[in-house]
Amino acid sequence: TESFDLPPAAVRLLLDGLSQIAAGNAVSVVPVQAELTTQ
């Protein structure tokens, strides 16, 4: 067992991710500053 605090941003991320997984969607986390190829 481990205990820790989750900041509000992580709580929102976790809730959003769990909701999508519950709906059957695959989930990836991408930093907003990530650079994407044109494809």
PDB file of all heavy atoms in Angstrom:
ATOM      1  N   THR A   1       0.832  -1.205   0.000  1.00  0.00           N
ATOM      2  CA  THR A   1       0.000   0.000   0.000  1.00  0.00           C
ATOM      3  C   THR A   1       0.864   1.252   0.000  1.00  0.00           C
ATOM      4  O   THR A   1       1.883   1.318   0.685  1.00  0.00           O
ATOM      5  CB  THR A   1      -0.917   0.018   1.245  1.00  0.00           C
ATOM      6  OG1 THR A   1      -1.748  -1.137   1.200  1.00  0.00           O
ATOM      7  CG2 THR A   1      -1.786   1.249   1.279  1.00  0.00           C
ATOM      8  N   GLU A   2       0.468   2.226  -0.788  1.00  0.00           N
ATOM      9  CA  GLU A   2       1.099   3.540  -0.831  1.00  0.00           C
ATOM     10  C   GLU A   2      -0.004   4.584  -0.724  1.00  0.00           C
ATOM     11  O   GLU A   2      -1.117   4.362  -1.194  1.00  0.00           O
ATOM     12  CB  GLU A   2       1.833   3.754  -2.166  1.00  0.00           C
ATOM     13  CG  GLU A   2       3.024   2.864  -2.388  1.00  0.00           C
ATOM     14  CD  GLU A   2       4.265   3.308  -1.639  1.00  0.00           C
ATOM     15  OE1 GLU A   2       4.331   4.504  -1.256  1.00  0.00           O
ATOM     16  OE2 GLU A   2       5.154   2.476  -1.414  1.00  0.00           O
ATOM     17  N   SER A   3       0.295   5.711  -0.117  1.00  0.00           N
ATOM     18  CA  SER A   3      -0.668   6.808  -0.097  1.00  0.00           C
ATOM     19  C   SER A   3       0.020   8.072  -0.594  1.00  0.00           C
ATOM     20  O   SER A   3       1.224   8.264  -0.397  1.00  0.00           O
ATOM     21  CB  SER A   3      -1.248   7.006   1.301  1.00  0.00           C
ATOM     22  OG  SER A   3      -0.244   7.375   2.205  1.00  0.00           O
ATOM     23  N   PHE A   4      -0.755   8.916  -1.271  1.00  0.00           N
ATOM     24  CA  PHE A   4      -0.216  10.129  -1.878  1.00  0.00           C
ATOM     25  C   PHE A   4      -1.364  11.069  -2.197  1.00  0.00           C
ATOM     26  O   PHE A   4      -2.527  10.671  -2.177  1.00  0.00           O
ATOM     27  CB  PHE A   4       0.584   9.800  -3.149  1.00  0.00           C
ATOM     28  CG  PHE A   4      -0.186   8.945  -4.116  1.00  0.00           C
ATOM     29  CD1 PHE A   4      -0.958   9.517  -5.119  1.00  0.00           C
ATOM     30  CD2 PHE A   4      -0.155   7.560  -4.017  1.00  0.00           C
ATOM     31  CE1 PHE A   4      -1.686   8.725  -6.004  1.00  0.00           C
ATOM     32  CE2 PHE A   4      -0.868   6.756  -4.904  1.00  0.00           C
ATOM     33  CZ  PHE A   4      -1.637   7.347  -5.899  1.00  0.00           C
ATOM     34  N   ASP A   5      -1.032  12.313  -2.493  1.00  0.00           N
ATOM     35  CA  ASP A   5      -2.021  13.311  -2.893  1.00  0.00           C
ATOM     36  C   ASP A   5      -1.979  13.502  -4.394  1.00  0.00           C
ATOM     37  O   ASP A   5      -0.892  13.543  -4.990  1.00  0.00           O
ATOM     38  CB  ASP A   5      -1.748  14.650  -2.212  1.00  0.00           C
ATOM     39  CG  ASP A   5      -1.996  14.596  -0.714  1.00  0.00           C
ATOM     40  OD1 ASP A   5      -2.872  13.801  -0.300  1.00  0.00           O
ATOM     41  OD2 ASP A   5      -1.327  15.332   0.029  1.00  0.00           O
ATOM     42  N   LEU A   6      -3.146  13.621  -5.000  1.00  0.00           N
ATOM     43  CA  LEU A   6      -3.259  13.938  -6.424  1.00  0.00           C
ATOM     44  C   LEU A   6      -3.683  15.393  -6.547  1.00  0.00           C
ATOM     45  O   LEU A   6      -4.696  15.785  -5.960  1.00  0.00           O
ATOM     46  CB  LEU A   6      -4.318  13.070  -7.103  1.00  0.00           C
ATOM     47  CG  LEU A   6      -3.951  11.667  -7.516  1.00  0.00           C
ATOM     48  CD1 LEU A   6      -5.150  10.984  -8.163  1.00  0.00           C
ATOM     49  CD2 LEU A   6      -2.782  11.659  -8.475  1.00  0.00           C
ATOM     50  N   PRO A   7      -2.951  16.198  -7.316  1.00  0.00           N
ATOM     51  CA  PRO A   7      -3.377  17.586  -7.521  1.00  0.00           C
ATOM     52  C   PRO A   7      -4.650  17.624  -8.383  1.00  0.00           C
ATOM     53  O   PRO A   7      -4.953  16.658  -9.089  1.00  0.00           O
ATOM     54  CB  PRO A   7      -2.192  18.217  -8.251  1.00  0.00           C
ATOM     55  CG  PRO A   7      -1.460  17.086  -8.859  1.00  0.00           C
ATOM     56  CD  PRO A   7      -1.704  15.884  -7.996  1.00  0.00           C
ATOM     57  N   PRO A   8      -5.390  18.725  -8.329  1.00  0.00           N
ATOM     58  CA  PRO A   8      -6.646  18.817  -9.093  1.00  0.00           C
ATOM     59  C   PRO A   8      -6.498  18.497 -10.577  1.00  0.00           C
ATOM     60  O   PRO A   8      -7.361  17.828 -11.152  1.00  0.00           O
ATOM     61  CB  PRO A   8      -7.078  20.273  -8.881  1.00  0.00           C
ATOM     62  CG  PRO A   8      -6.494  20.636  -7.560  1.00  0.00           C
ATOM     63  CD  PRO A   8      -5.182  19.911  -7.496  1.00  0.00           C
ATOM     64  N   ALA A   9      -5.403  18.930 -11.204  1.00  0.00           N
ATOM     65  CA  ALA A   9      -5.210  18.645 -12.634  1.00  0.00           C
ATOM     66  C   ALA A   9      -5.129  17.140 -12.878  1.00  0.00           C
ATOM     67  O   ALA A   9      -5.668  16.623 -13.864  1.00  0.00           O
ATOM     68  CB  ALA A   9      -3.954  19.331 -13.159  1.00  0.00           C
ATOM     69  N   ALA A  10      -4.472  16.410 -11.988  1.00  0.00           N
ATOM     70  CA  ALA A  10      -4.352  14.954 -12.136  1.00  0.00           C
ATOM     71  C   ALA A  10      -5.692  14.279 -11.865  1.00  0.00           C
ATOM     72  O   ALA A  10      -6.019  13.272 -12.503  1.00  0.00           O
ATOM     73  CB  ALA A  10      -3.283  14.407 -11.192  1.00  0.00           C
ATOM     74  N   VAL A  11      -6.483  14.821 -10.935  1.00  0.00           N
ATOM     75  CA  VAL A  11      -7.814  14.264 -10.668  1.00  0.00           C
ATOM     76  C   VAL A  11      -8.685  14.405 -11.914  1.00  0.00           C
ATOM     77  O   VAL A  11      -9.349  13.453 -12.340  1.00  0.00           O
ATOM     78  CB  VAL A  11      -8.477  14.954  -9.450  1.00  0.00           C
ATOM     79  CG1 VAL A  11      -9.925  14.501  -9.291  1.00  0.00           C
ATOM     80  CG2 VAL A  11      -7.690  14.674  -8.175  1.00  0.00           C
ATOM     81  N   ARG A  12      -8.658  15.593 -12.547  1.00  0.00           N
ATOM     82  CA  ARG A  12      -9.439  15.810 -13.781  1.00  0.00           C
ATOM     83  C   ARG A  12      -8.979  14.860 -14.878  1.00  0.00           C
ATOM     84  O   ARG A  12      -9.793  14.247 -15.571  1.00  0.00           O
ATOM     85  CB  ARG A  12      -9.302  17.256 -14.241  1.00  0.00           C
ATOM     86  CG  ARG A  12     -10.052  18.251 -13.387  1.00  0.00           C
ATOM     87  CD  ARG A  12     -10.065  19.646 -14.007  1.00  0.00           C
ATOM     88  NE  ARG A  12      -8.742  20.200 -14.228  1.00  0.00           N
ATOM     89  CZ  ARG A  12      -8.062  20.903 -13.328  1.00  0.00           C
ATOM     90  NH1 ARG A  12      -8.584  21.137 -12.134  1.00  0.00           N
ATOM     91  NH2 ARG A  12      -6.864  21.376 -13.607  1.00  0.00           N
ATOM     92  N   LEU A  13      -7.669  14.726 -15.025  1.00  0.00           N
ATOM     93  CA  LEU A  13      -7.102  13.837 -16.042  1.00  0.00           C
ATOM     94  C   LEU A  13      -7.537  12.395 -15.797  1.00  0.00           C
ATOM     95  O   LEU A  13      -7.971  11.696 -16.720  1.00  0.00           O
ATOM     96  CB  LEU A  13      -5.578  13.943 -16.035  1.00  0.00           C
ATOM     97  CG  LEU A  13      -4.827  13.070 -17.019  1.00  0.00           C
ATOM     98  CD1 LEU A  13      -5.100  13.522 -18.445  1.00  0.00           C
ATOM     99  CD2 LEU A  13      -3.344  13.116 -16.727  1.00  0.00           C
ATOM    100  N   LEU A  14      -7.450  11.965 -14.547  1.00  0.00           N
ATOM    101  CA  LEU A  14      -7.833  10.597 -14.193  1.00  0.00           C
ATOM    102  C   LEU A  14      -9.318  10.357 -14.443  1.00  0.00           C
ATOM    103  O   LEU A  14      -9.703   9.340 -15.026  1.00  0.00           O
ATOM    104  CB  LEU A  14      -7.474  10.331 -12.731  1.00  0.00           C
ATOM    105  CG  LEU A  14      -7.687   8.914 -12.213  1.00  0.00           C
ATOM    106  CD1 LEU A  14      -6.926   7.894 -13.045  1.00  0.00           C
ATOM    107  CD2 LEU A  14      -7.262   8.825 -10.753  1.00  0.00           C
ATOM    108  N   LEU A  15     -10.164  11.294 -14.023  1.00  0.00           N
ATOM    109  CA  LEU A  15     -11.609  11.137 -14.243  1.00  0.00           C
ATOM    110  C   LEU A  15     -11.948  11.108 -15.737  1.00  0.00           C
ATOM    111  O   LEU A  15     -12.746  10.280 -16.179  1.00  0.00           O
ATOM    112  CB  LEU A  15     -12.382  12.255 -13.544  1.00  0.00           C
ATOM    113  CG  LEU A  15     -12.550  12.086 -12.046  1.00  0.00           C
ATOM    114  CD1 LEU A  15     -13.061  13.379 -11.415  1.00  0.00           C
ATOM    115  CD2 LEU A  15     -13.479  10.938 -11.723  1.00  0.00           C
ATOM    116  N   ASP A  16     -11.342  12.007 -16.506  1.00  0.00           N
ATOM    117  CA  ASP A  16     -11.592  12.029 -17.947  1.00  0.00           C
ATOM    118  C   ASP A  16     -11.121  10.733 -18.608  1.00  0.00           C
ATOM    119  O   ASP A  16     -11.817  10.150 -19.443  1.00  0.00           O
ATOM    120  CB  ASP A  16     -10.898  13.219 -18.614  1.00  0.00           C
ATOM    121  CG  ASP A  16     -11.534  14.551 -18.248  1.00  0.00           C
ATOM    122  OD1 ASP A  16     -12.662  14.552 -17.711  1.00  0.00           O
ATOM    123  OD2 ASP A  16     -10.891  15.589 -18.489  1.00  0.00           O
ATOM    124  N   GLY A  17      -9.930  10.282 -18.227  1.00  0.00           N
ATOM    125  CA  GLY A  17      -9.393   9.040 -18.790  1.00  0.00           C
ATOM    126  C   GLY A  17     -10.245   7.840 -18.441  1.00  0.00           C
ATOM    127  O   GLY A  17     -10.545   6.999 -19.292  1.00  0.00           O
ATOM    128  N   LEU A  18     -10.657   7.746 -17.182  1.00  0.00           N
ATOM    129  CA  LEU A  18     -11.515   6.625 -16.762  1.00  0.00           C
ATOM    130  C   LEU A  18     -12.849   6.639 -17.495  1.00  0.00           C
ATOM    131  O   LEU A  18     -13.366   5.588 -17.885  1.00  0.00           O
ATOM    132  CB  LEU A  18     -11.742   6.666 -15.247  1.00  0.00           C
ATOM    133  CG  LEU A  18     -10.553   6.247 -14.384  1.00  0.00           C
ATOM    134  CD1 LEU A  18     -10.828   6.572 -12.920  1.00  0.00           C
ATOM    135  CD2 LEU A  18     -10.247   4.767 -14.554  1.00  0.00           C
ATOM    136  N   SER A  19     -13.407   7.812 -17.697  1.00  0.00           N
ATOM    137  CA  SER A  19     -14.686   7.917 -18.430  1.00  0.00           C
ATOM    138  C   SER A  19     -14.539   7.405 -19.859  1.00  0.00           C
ATOM    139  O   SER A  19     -15.416   6.715 -20.376  1.00  0.00           O
ATOM    140  CB  SER A  19     -15.177   9.364 -18.452  1.00  0.00           C
ATOM    141  OG  SER A  19     -15.477   9.791 -17.159  1.00  0.00           O
ATOM    142  N   GLN A  20     -13.428   7.758 -20.485  1.00  0.00           N
ATOM    143  CA  GLN A  20     -13.214   7.300 -21.863  1.00  0.00           C
ATOM    144  C   GLN A  20     -12.971   5.796 -21.924  1.00  0.00           C
ATOM    145  O   GLN A  20     -13.484   5.109 -22.806  1.00  0.00           O
ATOM    146  CB  GLN A  20     -12.041   8.073 -22.495  1.00  0.00           C
ATOM    147  CG  GLN A  20     -12.364   9.518 -22.751  1.00  0.00           C
ATOM    148  CD  GLN A  20     -13.553   9.686 -23.671  1.00  0.00           C
ATOM    149  OE1 GLN A  20     -13.690   8.999 -24.688  1.00  0.00           O
ATOM    150  NE2 GLN A  20     -14.427  10.612 -23.331  1.00  0.00           N
ATOM    151  N   ILE A  21     -12.205   5.268 -20.986  1.00  0.00           N
ATOM    152  CA  ILE A  21     -11.960   3.821 -20.942  1.00  0.00           C
ATOM    153  C   ILE A  21     -13.271   3.087 -20.690  1.00  0.00           C
ATOM    154  O   ILE A  21     -13.554   2.065 -21.315  1.00  0.00           O
ATOM    155  CB  ILE A  21     -10.903   3.474 -19.876  1.00  0.00           C
ATOM    156  CG1 ILE A  21      -9.538   4.020 -20.307  1.00  0.00           C
ATOM    157  CG2 ILE A  21     -10.823   1.968 -19.633  1.00  0.00           C
ATOM    158  CD1 ILE A  21      -8.481   3.977 -19.222  1.00  0.00           C
ATOM    159  N   ALA A  22     -14.106   3.627 -19.790  1.00  0.00           N
ATOM    160  CA  ALA A  22     -15.403   3.014 -19.507  1.00  0.00           C
ATOM    161  C   ALA A  22     -16.279   2.968 -20.753  1.00  0.00           C
ATOM    162  O   ALA A  22     -17.086   2.054 -20.922  1.00  0.00           O
ATOM    163  CB  ALA A  22     -16.114   3.784 -18.390  1.00  0.00           C
ATOM    164  N   ALA A  23     -16.096   3.933 -21.650  1.00  0.00           N
ATOM    165  CA  ALA A  23     -16.866   3.970 -22.895  1.00  0.00           C
ATOM    166  C   ALA A  23     -16.236   3.104 -23.985  1.00  0.00           C
ATOM    167  O   ALA A  23     -16.755   3.024 -25.097  1.00  0.00           O
ATOM    168  CB  ALA A  23     -16.988   5.413 -23.383  1.00  0.00           C
ATOM    169  N   GLY A  24     -15.103   2.472 -23.671  1.00  0.00           N
ATOM    170  CA  GLY A  24     -14.466   1.575 -24.645  1.00  0.00           C
ATOM    171  C   GLY A  24     -13.441   2.242 -25.536  1.00  0.00           C
ATOM    172  O   GLY A  24     -12.994   1.657 -26.517  1.00  0.00           O
ATOM    173  N   ASN A  25     -13.074   3.478 -25.215  1.00  0.00           N
ATOM    174  CA  ASN A  25     -12.105   4.205 -26.035  1.00  0.00           C
ATOM    175  C   ASN A  25     -10.686   4.002 -25.526  1.00  0.00           C
ATOM    176  O   ASN A  25     -10.451   3.957 -24.323  1.00  0.00           O
ATOM    177  CB  ASN A  25     -12.419   5.706 -26.018  1.00  0.00           C
ATOM    178  CG  ASN A  25     -13.751   6.000 -26.652  1.00  0.00           C
ATOM    179  OD1 ASN A  25     -14.107   5.413 -27.658  1.00  0.00           O
ATOM    180  ND2 ASN A  25     -14.496   6.908 -26.056  1.00  0.00           N
ATOM    181  N   ALA A  26      -9.745   3.921 -26.460  1.00  0.00           N
ATOM    182  CA  ALA A  26      -8.329   3.908 -26.094  1.00  0.00           C
ATOM    183  C   ALA A  26      -7.938   5.328 -25.725  1.00  0.00           C
ATOM    184  O   ALA A  26      -8.467   6.290 -26.270  1.00  0.00           O
ATOM    185  CB  ALA A  26      -7.490   3.419 -27.269  1.00  0.00           C
ATOM    186  N   VAL A  27      -7.023   5.481 -24.781  1.00  0.00           N
ATOM    187  CA  VAL A  27      -6.639   6.795 -24.288  1.00  0.00           C
ATOM    188  C   VAL A  27      -5.124   6.947 -24.335  1.00  0.00           C
ATOM    189  O   VAL A  27      -4.399   6.040 -23.940  1.00  0.00           O
ATOM    190  CB  VAL A  27      -7.125   6.985 -22.826  1.00  0.00           C
ATOM    191  CG1 VAL A  27      -6.656   8.314 -22.263  1.00  0.00           C
ATOM    192  CG2 VAL A  27      -8.635   6.868 -22.743  1.00  0.00           C
ATOM    193  N   SER A  28      -4.685   8.107 -24.824  1.00  0.00           N
ATOM    194  CA  SER A  28      -3.272   8.478 -24.789  1.00  0.00           C
ATOM    195  C   SER A  28      -3.179   9.843 -24.147  1.00  0.00           C
ATOM    196  O   SER A  28      -4.056  10.671 -24.324  1.00  0.00           O
ATOM    197  CB  SER A  28      -2.689   8.587 -26.203  1.00  0.00           C
ATOM    198  OG  SER A  28      -2.643   7.337 -26.822  1.00  0.00           O
ATOM    199  N   VAL A  29      -2.109  10.095 -23.431  1.00  0.00           N
ATOM    200  CA  VAL A  29      -1.868  11.410 -22.858  1.00  0.00           C
ATOM    201  C   VAL A  29      -0.767  12.052 -23.685  1.00  0.00           C
ATOM    202  O   VAL A  29       0.291  11.461 -23.881  1.00  0.00           O
ATOM    203  CB  VAL A  29      -1.451  11.305 -21.375  1.00  0.00           C
ATOM    204  CG1 VAL A  29      -1.129  12.677 -20.817  1.00  0.00           C
ATOM    205  CG2 VAL A  29      -2.555  10.629 -20.574  1.00  0.00           C
ATOM    206  N   VAL A  30      -1.046  13.259 -24.193  1.00  0.00           N
ATOM    207  CA  VAL A  30      -0.089  13.968 -25.034  1.00  0.00           C
ATOM    208  C   VAL A  30       0.145  15.348 -24.426  1.00  0.00           C
ATOM    209  O   VAL A  30      -0.813  16.088 -24.208  1.00  0.00           O
ATOM    210  CB  VAL A  30      -0.640  14.138 -26.475  1.00  0.00           C
ATOM    211  CG1 VAL A  30       0.333  14.923 -27.332  1.00  0.00           C
ATOM    212  CG2 VAL A  30      -0.945  12.788 -27.098  1.00  0.00           C
ATOM    213  N   PRO A  31       1.395  15.712 -24.128  1.00  0.00           N
ATOM    214  CA  PRO A  31       1.649  17.063 -23.629  1.00  0.00           C
ATOM    215  C   PRO A  31       1.232  18.099 -24.658  1.00  0.00           C
ATOM    216  O   PRO A  31       1.403  17.898 -25.865  1.00  0.00           O
ATOM    217  CB  PRO A  31       3.170  17.096 -23.417  1.00  0.00           C
ATOM    218  CG  PRO A  31       3.591  15.667 -23.398  1.00  0.00           C
ATOM    219  CD  PRO A  31       2.598  14.903 -24.226  1.00  0.00           C
ATOM    220  N   VAL A  32       0.680  19.219 -24.202  1.00  0.00           N
ATOM    221  CA  VAL A  32       0.208  20.260 -25.106  1.00  0.00           C
ATOM    222  C   VAL A  32       1.352  20.796 -25.962  1.00  0.00           C
ATOM    223  O   VAL A  32       1.157  21.185 -27.099  1.00  0.00           O
ATOM    224  CB  VAL A  32      -0.476  21.394 -24.307  1.00  0.00           C
ATOM    225  CG1 VAL A  32      -0.836  22.561 -25.190  1.00  0.00           C
ATOM    226  CG2 VAL A  32      -1.716  20.861 -23.610  1.00  0.00           C
ATOM    227  N   GLN A  33       2.577  20.776 -25.443  1.00  0.00           N
ATOM    228  CA  GLN A  33       3.725  21.278 -26.198  1.00  0.00           C
ATOM    229  C   GLN A  33       4.288  20.251 -27.186  1.00  0.00           C
ATOM    230  O   GLN A  33       5.234  20.554 -27.899  1.00  0.00           O
ATOM    231  CB  GLN A  33       4.858  21.708 -25.254  1.00  0.00           C
ATOM    232  CG  GLN A  33       4.595  23.007 -24.534  1.00  0.00           C
ATOM    233  CD  GLN A  33       3.607  22.860 -23.383  1.00  0.00           C
ATOM    234  OE1 GLN A  33       3.433  21.781 -22.836  1.00  0.00           O
ATOM    235  NE2 GLN A  33       2.946  23.940 -23.027  1.00  0.00           N
ATOM    236  N   ALA A  34       3.714  19.065 -27.236  1.00  0.00           N
ATOM    237  CA  ALA A  34       4.233  18.042 -28.145  1.00  0.00           C
ATOM    238  C   ALA A  34       4.170  18.530 -29.584  1.00  0.00           C
ATOM    239  O   ALA A  34       3.251  19.243 -29.971  1.00  0.00           O
ATOM    240  CB  ALA A  34       3.433  16.754 -28.001  1.00  0.00           C
ATOM    241  N   GLU A  35       5.160  18.131 -30.353  1.00  0.00           N
ATOM    242  CA  GLU A  35       5.193  18.481 -31.765  1.00  0.00           C
ATOM    243  C   GLU A  35       4.793  17.262 -32.577  1.00  0.00           C
ATOM    244  O   GLU A  35       5.292  16.158 -32.366  1.00  0.00           O
ATOM    245  CB  GLU A  35       6.587  18.961 -32.168  1.00  0.00           C
ATOM    246  CG  GLU A  35       6.951  20.273 -31.516  1.00  0.00           C
ATOM    247  CD  GLU A  35       8.296  20.799 -31.967  1.00  0.00           C
ATOM    248  OE1 GLU A  35       9.037  20.069 -32.665  1.00  0.00           O
ATOM    249  OE2 GLU A  35       8.602  21.943 -31.624  1.00  0.00           O
ATOM    250  N   LEU A  36       3.886  17.490 -33.514  1.00  0.00           N
ATOM    251  CA  LEU A  36       3.344  16.410 -34.327  1.00  0.00           C
ATOM    252  C   LEU A  36       3.827  16.522 -35.763  1.00  0.00           C
ATOM    253  O   LEU A  36       4.033  17.631 -36.270  1.00  0.00           O
ATOM    254  CB  LEU A  36       1.812  16.472 -34.320  1.00  0.00           C
ATOM    255  CG  LEU A  36       1.128  16.480 -32.958  1.00  0.00           C
ATOM    256  CD1 LEU A  36      -0.360  16.746 -33.130  1.00  0.00           C
ATOM    257  CD2 LEU A  36       1.362  15.174 -32.238  1.00  0.00           C
ATOM    258  N   THR A  37       3.963  15.387 -36.414  1.00  0.00           N
ATOM    259  CA  THR A  37       4.223  15.396 -37.849  1.00  0.00           C
ATOM    260  C   THR A  37       2.928  15.803 -38.548  1.00  0.00           C
ATOM    261  O   THR A  37       1.848  15.780 -37.947  1.00  0.00           O
ATOM    262  CB  THR A  37       4.649  14.006 -38.355  1.00  0.00           C
ATOM    263  OG1 THR A  37       3.548  13.098 -38.202  1.00  0.00           O
ATOM    264  CG2 THR A  37       5.866  13.487 -37.598  1.00  0.00           C
ATOM    265  N   THR A  38       3.031  16.138 -39.819  1.00  0.00           N
ATOM    266  CA  THR A  38       1.825  16.506 -40.555  1.00  0.00           C
ATOM    267  C   THR A  38       0.869  15.318 -40.664  1.00  0.00           C
ATOM    268  O   THR A  38      -0.345  15.496 -40.633  1.00  0.00           O
ATOM    269  CB  THR A  38       2.171  17.039 -41.956  1.00  0.00           C
ATOM    270  OG1 THR A  38       3.003  16.086 -42.627  1.00  0.00           O
ATOM    271  CG2 THR A  38       2.876  18.383 -41.862  1.00  0.00           C
ATOM    272  N   GLN A  39       1.402  14.127 -40.742  1.00  0.00           N
ATOM    273  CA  GLN A  39       0.536  12.937 -40.814  1.00  0.00           C
ATOM    274  C   GLN A  39      -0.222  12.750 -39.491  1.00  0.00           C
ATOM    275  O   GLN A  39      -1.418  12.449 -39.492  1.00  0.00           O
ATOM    276  CB  GLN A  39       1.367  11.689 -41.134  1.00  0.00           C
ATOM    277  CG  GLN A  39       0.522  10.461 -41.420  1.00  0.00           C
ATOM    278  CD  GLN A  39      -0.349  10.647 -42.659  1.00  0.00           C
ATOM    279  OE1 GLN A  39       0.136  11.027 -43.716  1.00  0.00           O
ATOM    280  NE2 GLN A  39      -1.637  10.400 -42.532  1.00  0.00           N
TER     281      GLN A  39
END
